[in-house]
Amino acid sequence: MTPLSVVIPTLNESRSLPLLLADLGRWPGPMQLLVVDGGSSDATATVAHLAGAEVLRSGERGRGQQLLLGSTKAREDWLLVLHADSRLHPHWPAAVSTVINDPRNSTQAWTFNFQVDGDRLMLRMLEQAVALRSRWLQRPYGDQGLLIHRELLAKAGGYRPLALMEDLDLVMRLSRKATIRQLGLPLTTSGRRWRTHGVWRIAWRNARLRRRWRRGEDPVQLANAYAAEPVSWRTRRHSGAVAAPAPNPGADRNSPPPDLQTG
């Protein structure tokens, strides 16, 4: 079994992280597990240590800086980058091992299908839009994960220490070097912010931020704008609620893993 390095950037993810770490425990081979923390004030680091992860302390907050640090510390040839509030499908080890055990796949990058926890129609429409963007425009974002060989990552220039848009920045460079293909399985992300602020409100906000970034605005200013997310009636109504992490996306699915799909 080919070894795998997993890189997870975190900031106050002590509630979501154990579930992702449990999903990663399905991997049957050697794994280097790197949790790169941006200064959590909760028990994130303790949770990671208890799971046997190496905890790296990033000098600056921001996924770009954290992913740069994590990717440089990765020892294995293949890297899997995941957000801490994600849940992996139970069949993910078969899909990933199929890719990394074939040397021909080292010249391509791979992502999961975008899936949001929740049963609203708007979320299904959002997932379909992301699927089209990922397949035809070669623009998967960070919440779809990234499986990539270290040589291809280096060829694309690696992660840059951006305060925001680190995922878009990488895939724009990566898509000029290689095809970004789909693993054919979902990666379920927590629906907490989509439920709280509304699907279209967030989609529109993110589109405007991407447009400003392409026009050359400072990523630090964009990160500040991102943090100042508008408060909707849902936020005020549920301000005392604790956000629930995404459930196991395959708990009630017994079907075998689908064939890998080309991107």
Protein backbone atom coordinates (compact mmCIF):
# COMPACT_ATOMS: atom_id res chain seq x y z
CA MET A 1 0.00 0.00 0.00
CA THR A 2 1.41 3.39 -1.03
CA PRO A 3 1.90 5.73 1.97
CA LEU A 4 -0.16 8.91 2.21
CA SER A 5 0.37 12.29 3.87
CA VAL A 6 -2.81 14.06 5.01
CA VAL A 7 -2.77 17.80 5.69
CA ILE A 8 -5.60 19.42 7.68
CA PRO A 9 -5.60 23.16 8.49
CA THR A 10 -7.50 23.95 11.69
CA LEU A 11 -8.76 26.82 13.80
CA ASN A 12 -11.02 25.95 16.74
CA GLU A 13 -12.23 22.67 15.21
CA SER A 14 -12.30 20.48 18.32
CA ARG A 15 -15.90 19.46 17.66
CA SER A 16 -15.60 18.59 13.97
CA LEU A 17 -12.06 17.26 13.83
CA PRO A 18 -12.64 13.96 15.73
CA LEU A 19 -15.19 12.87 13.12
CA LEU A 20 -12.82 13.49 10.23
CA LEU A 21 -10.00 11.75 12.08
CA ALA A 22 -12.27 8.75 12.60
CA ASP A 23 -12.96 8.66 8.85
CA LEU A 24 -9.24 8.78 8.16
CA GLY A 25 -8.78 5.80 10.46
CA ARG A 26 -10.20 3.61 7.68
CA TRP A 27 -6.96 3.98 5.72
CA PRO A 28 -5.31 0.52 5.70
CA GLY A 29 -1.76 1.63 4.94
CA PRO A 30 0.92 3.98 6.30
CA MET A 31 -0.28 7.54 6.87
CA GLN A 32 1.42 10.73 8.00
CA LEU A 33 -1.30 12.85 9.60
CA LEU A 34 -0.50 16.56 9.83
CA VAL A 35 -2.82 18.98 11.62
CA VAL A 36 -1.67 22.55 11.03
CA ASP A 37 -3.23 24.81 13.63
CA GLY A 38 -3.71 28.53 13.21
CA GLY A 39 -3.91 29.39 16.91
CA SER A 40 -6.94 27.53 18.27
CA SER A 41 -8.23 28.49 21.71
CA ASP A 42 -10.13 25.22 22.15
CA ALA A 43 -8.99 21.59 22.42
CA THR A 44 -8.17 21.14 18.73
CA ALA A 45 -4.49 20.35 19.36
CA THR A 46 -5.35 17.86 22.12
CA VAL A 47 -7.84 16.08 19.87
CA ALA A 48 -5.24 15.85 17.12
CA HIS A 49 -2.54 14.53 19.46
CA LEU A 50 -4.87 11.87 20.84
CA ALA A 51 -5.47 10.65 17.29
CA GLY A 52 -1.74 10.32 16.70
CA ALA A 53 -1.42 13.38 14.45
CA GLU A 54 1.59 15.63 14.21
CA VAL A 55 0.46 19.10 15.25
CA LEU A 56 2.20 22.00 13.55
CA ARG A 57 1.75 25.55 14.82
CA SER A 58 1.37 28.12 12.10
CA GLY A 59 2.83 31.52 12.86
CA GLU A 60 -0.03 33.19 11.02
CA ARG A 61 -3.71 32.41 10.67
CA GLY A 62 -5.08 31.67 7.23
CA ARG A 63 -5.35 28.44 5.28
CA GLY A 64 -2.78 29.54 2.71
CA GLN A 65 -0.05 29.87 5.32
CA GLN A 66 -1.16 26.69 7.09
CA LEU A 67 -1.29 24.63 3.90
CA LEU A 68 2.10 25.92 2.81
CA LEU A 69 3.57 24.79 6.13
CA GLY A 70 1.81 21.44 6.04
CA SER A 71 2.75 20.62 2.46
CA THR A 72 6.41 21.42 3.09
CA LYS A 73 6.44 19.08 6.09
CA ALA A 74 4.73 16.22 4.25
CA ARG A 75 7.07 13.24 3.83
CA GLU A 76 5.13 11.03 1.45
CA ASP A 77 4.86 11.34 -2.33
CA TRP A 78 1.06 11.66 -2.26
CA LEU A 79 -0.74 14.39 -0.30
CA LEU A 80 -4.42 14.55 0.64
CA VAL A 81 -5.55 18.01 1.74
CA LEU A 82 -8.83 18.23 3.68
CA HIS A 83 -10.81 20.85 5.59
CA ALA A 84 -11.45 19.94 9.22
CA ASP A 85 -15.25 20.17 9.00
CA SER A 86 -15.44 17.57 6.20
CA ARG A 87 -16.60 13.95 6.32
CA LEU A 88 -15.21 11.26 4.05
CA HIS A 89 -17.31 8.59 2.38
CA PRO A 90 -16.73 5.09 3.84
CA HIS A 91 -15.32 3.90 0.50
CA TRP A 92 -12.72 6.66 0.27
CA PRO A 93 -9.71 4.34 0.92
CA ALA A 94 -10.54 2.23 -2.15
CA ALA A 95 -10.92 5.27 -4.40
CA VAL A 96 -7.73 6.95 -3.18
CA SER A 97 -5.62 3.78 -3.22
CA THR A 98 -6.72 3.05 -6.80
CA VAL A 99 -5.31 6.42 -7.83
CA ILE A 100 -2.06 6.51 -5.89
CA ASN A 101 -1.06 2.92 -6.64
CA ASP A 102 -1.01 3.66 -10.38
CA PRO A 103 2.15 5.64 -11.30
CA ARG A 104 0.41 7.09 -14.35
CA ASN A 105 -1.86 9.14 -12.08
CA SER A 106 0.97 11.21 -10.62
CA THR A 107 0.62 13.73 -13.45
CA GLN A 108 -3.02 14.48 -12.56
CA ALA A 109 -4.75 15.97 -9.52
CA TRP A 110 -7.88 14.56 -7.97
CA THR A 111 -10.80 15.92 -5.94
CA PHE A 112 -14.00 14.68 -4.34
CA ASN A 113 -17.51 15.70 -5.31
CA PHE A 114 -18.84 18.69 -3.36
CA GLN A 115 -21.65 17.77 -0.98
CA VAL A 116 -23.27 19.82 1.80
CA ASP A 117 -24.87 18.34 4.89
CA GLY A 118 -28.60 19.08 4.71
CA ASP A 119 -31.71 18.21 2.74
CA ARG A 120 -32.70 21.57 1.24
CA LEU A 121 -33.33 21.78 -2.49
CA MET A 122 -31.10 24.86 -2.69
CA LEU A 123 -28.15 22.78 -1.48
CA ARG A 124 -28.71 20.17 -4.19
CA MET A 125 -28.79 22.94 -6.81
CA LEU A 126 -25.58 24.36 -5.38
CA GLU A 127 -23.91 20.94 -5.58
CA GLN A 128 -24.89 20.57 -9.23
CA ALA A 129 -23.50 24.00 -10.06
CA VAL A 130 -20.21 23.16 -8.33
CA ALA A 131 -20.05 19.84 -10.20
CA LEU A 132 -20.36 21.64 -13.54
CA ARG A 133 -17.76 24.23 -12.55
CA SER A 134 -15.34 21.56 -11.35
CA ARG A 135 -15.68 19.35 -14.40
CA TRP A 136 -15.84 21.84 -17.25
CA LEU A 137 -13.97 24.85 -15.85
CA GLN A 138 -11.45 22.83 -13.79
CA ARG A 139 -12.21 24.93 -10.72
CA PRO A 140 -12.74 22.70 -7.67
CA TYR A 141 -12.27 24.55 -4.39
CA GLY A 142 -10.81 23.58 -1.04
CA ASP A 143 -13.95 22.04 0.44
CA GLN A 144 -13.69 19.29 -2.21
CA GLY A 145 -10.30 18.17 -0.91
CA LEU A 146 -7.23 17.70 -3.06
CA LEU A 147 -5.26 14.52 -3.78
CA ILE A 148 -2.00 15.38 -5.48
CA HIS A 149 1.52 14.03 -6.00
CA ARG A 150 4.20 16.19 -4.43
CA GLU A 151 6.04 16.62 -7.75
CA LEU A 152 2.92 17.97 -9.45
CA LEU A 153 2.25 20.29 -6.53
CA ALA A 154 5.78 21.65 -6.81
CA LYS A 155 5.43 21.99 -10.58
CA ALA A 156 2.32 24.11 -10.08
CA GLY A 157 4.14 26.31 -7.59
CA GLY A 158 2.60 24.93 -4.40
CA TYR A 159 0.43 26.80 -1.95
CA ARG A 160 1.03 30.48 -1.45
CA PRO A 161 0.61 32.09 2.01
CA LEU A 162 -2.54 33.99 1.09
CA ALA A 163 -5.05 35.18 3.67
CA LEU A 164 -7.89 34.10 1.37
CA MET A 165 -8.38 32.43 -2.04
CA GLU A 166 -5.47 30.03 -1.55
CA ASP A 167 -7.51 27.22 -3.12
CA LEU A 168 -8.54 29.21 -6.20
CA ASP A 169 -5.00 30.52 -6.57
CA LEU A 170 -3.61 26.98 -6.63
CA VAL A 171 -6.19 25.38 -8.95
CA MET A 172 -5.82 28.20 -11.48
CA ARG A 173 -2.09 27.44 -11.71
CA LEU A 174 -2.61 23.70 -11.41
CA SER A 175 -5.14 23.50 -14.25
CA ARG A 176 -2.52 24.93 -16.61
CA LYS A 177 -0.19 22.03 -15.74
CA ALA A 178 -2.52 19.05 -15.40
CA THR A 179 -6.07 17.75 -15.60
CA ILE A 180 -8.00 17.87 -12.34
CA ARG A 181 -10.09 14.71 -12.17
CA GLN A 182 -12.84 13.48 -9.86
CA LEU A 183 -12.57 10.56 -7.47
CA GLY A 184 -16.25 9.77 -7.89
CA LEU A 185 -17.14 10.01 -4.18
CA PRO A 186 -18.59 12.89 -2.15
CA LEU A 187 -16.76 14.86 0.50
CA THR A 188 -19.46 16.18 2.81
CA THR A 189 -18.89 19.61 4.26
CA SER A 190 -20.77 21.03 7.22
CA GLY A 191 -23.88 22.94 6.22
CA ARG A 192 -23.78 25.22 9.25
CA ARG A 193 -22.89 28.46 7.46
CA TRP A 194 -25.17 27.70 4.51
CA ARG A 195 -28.09 27.13 6.86
CA THR A 196 -27.26 30.13 9.01
CA HIS A 197 -26.74 32.74 6.32
CA GLY A 198 -28.62 31.31 3.35
CA VAL A 199 -27.34 29.53 0.25
CA TRP A 200 -27.71 32.31 -2.27
CA ARG A 201 -26.47 35.01 0.10
CA ILE A 202 -23.21 33.11 0.64
CA ALA A 203 -22.86 32.08 -3.02
CA TRP A 204 -23.29 35.69 -4.13
CA ARG A 205 -20.88 36.98 -1.46
CA ASN A 206 -18.24 34.42 -2.48
CA ALA A 207 -18.62 35.24 -6.18
CA ARG A 208 -18.06 38.94 -5.47
CA LEU A 209 -14.97 38.16 -3.39
CA ARG A 210 -13.54 36.00 -6.18
CA ARG A 211 -14.16 38.79 -8.67
CA ARG A 212 -12.37 41.31 -6.43
CA TRP A 213 -9.45 38.90 -6.00
CA ARG A 214 -9.09 38.46 -9.77
CA ARG A 215 -8.97 42.23 -10.08
CA GLY A 216 -5.94 42.28 -7.81
CA GLU A 217 -7.33 43.34 -4.45
CA ASP A 218 -5.26 42.58 -1.35
CA PRO A 219 -6.15 39.10 0.02
CA VAL A 220 -5.92 40.50 3.57
CA GLN A 221 -8.67 43.00 2.80
CA LEU A 222 -10.73 40.26 1.20
CA ALA A 223 -10.25 38.05 4.27
CA ASN A 224 -11.50 40.89 6.46
CA ALA A 225 -14.54 41.26 4.22
CA TYR A 226 -15.11 37.51 4.41
CA ALA A 227 -14.95 37.60 8.21
CA ALA A 228 -17.48 40.43 8.31
CA GLU A 229 -20.16 38.14 6.91
CA PRO A 230 -23.56 39.84 6.87
CA VAL A 231 -25.91 38.79 9.66
CA SER A 232 -29.24 37.43 8.50
CA TRP A 233 -32.41 36.76 10.45
CA ARG A 234 -31.29 33.14 10.78
CA THR A 235 -28.15 34.26 12.62
CA ARG A 236 -30.13 36.27 15.15
CA ARG A 237 -32.69 33.51 15.59
CA HIS A 238 -30.10 30.76 16.14
CA SER A 239 -27.30 32.77 17.73
CA GLY A 240 -27.29 30.53 20.79
CA ALA A 241 -27.23 27.27 18.89
CA VAL A 242 -24.14 25.09 18.59
CA ALA A 243 -23.28 24.25 15.01
CA ALA A 244 -23.39 20.55 14.28
CA PRO A 245 -20.61 18.94 12.25
CA ALA A 246 -21.43 17.05 9.10
CA PRO A 247 -22.72 13.50 9.71
CA ASN A 248 -21.11 10.40 8.26
CA PRO A 249 -22.18 10.72 4.60
CA GLY A 250 -22.20 6.99 3.99
CA ALA A 251 -23.73 5.67 7.18
CA ASP A 252 -26.76 4.37 5.31
CA ARG A 253 -25.07 3.57 2.03
CA ASN A 254 -23.89 0.04 1.35
CA SER A 255 -23.20 0.34 -2.35
CA PRO A 256 -19.68 -0.36 -3.65
CA PRO A 257 -17.51 2.60 -4.68
CA PRO A 258 -18.33 3.97 -8.15
CA ASP A 259 -15.81 3.93 -10.91
CA LEU A 260 -13.45 6.88 -11.06
CA GLN A 261 -14.78 9.59 -13.30
CA THR A 262 -12.72 11.71 -15.60
CA GLY A 263 -12.67 15.45 -15.01
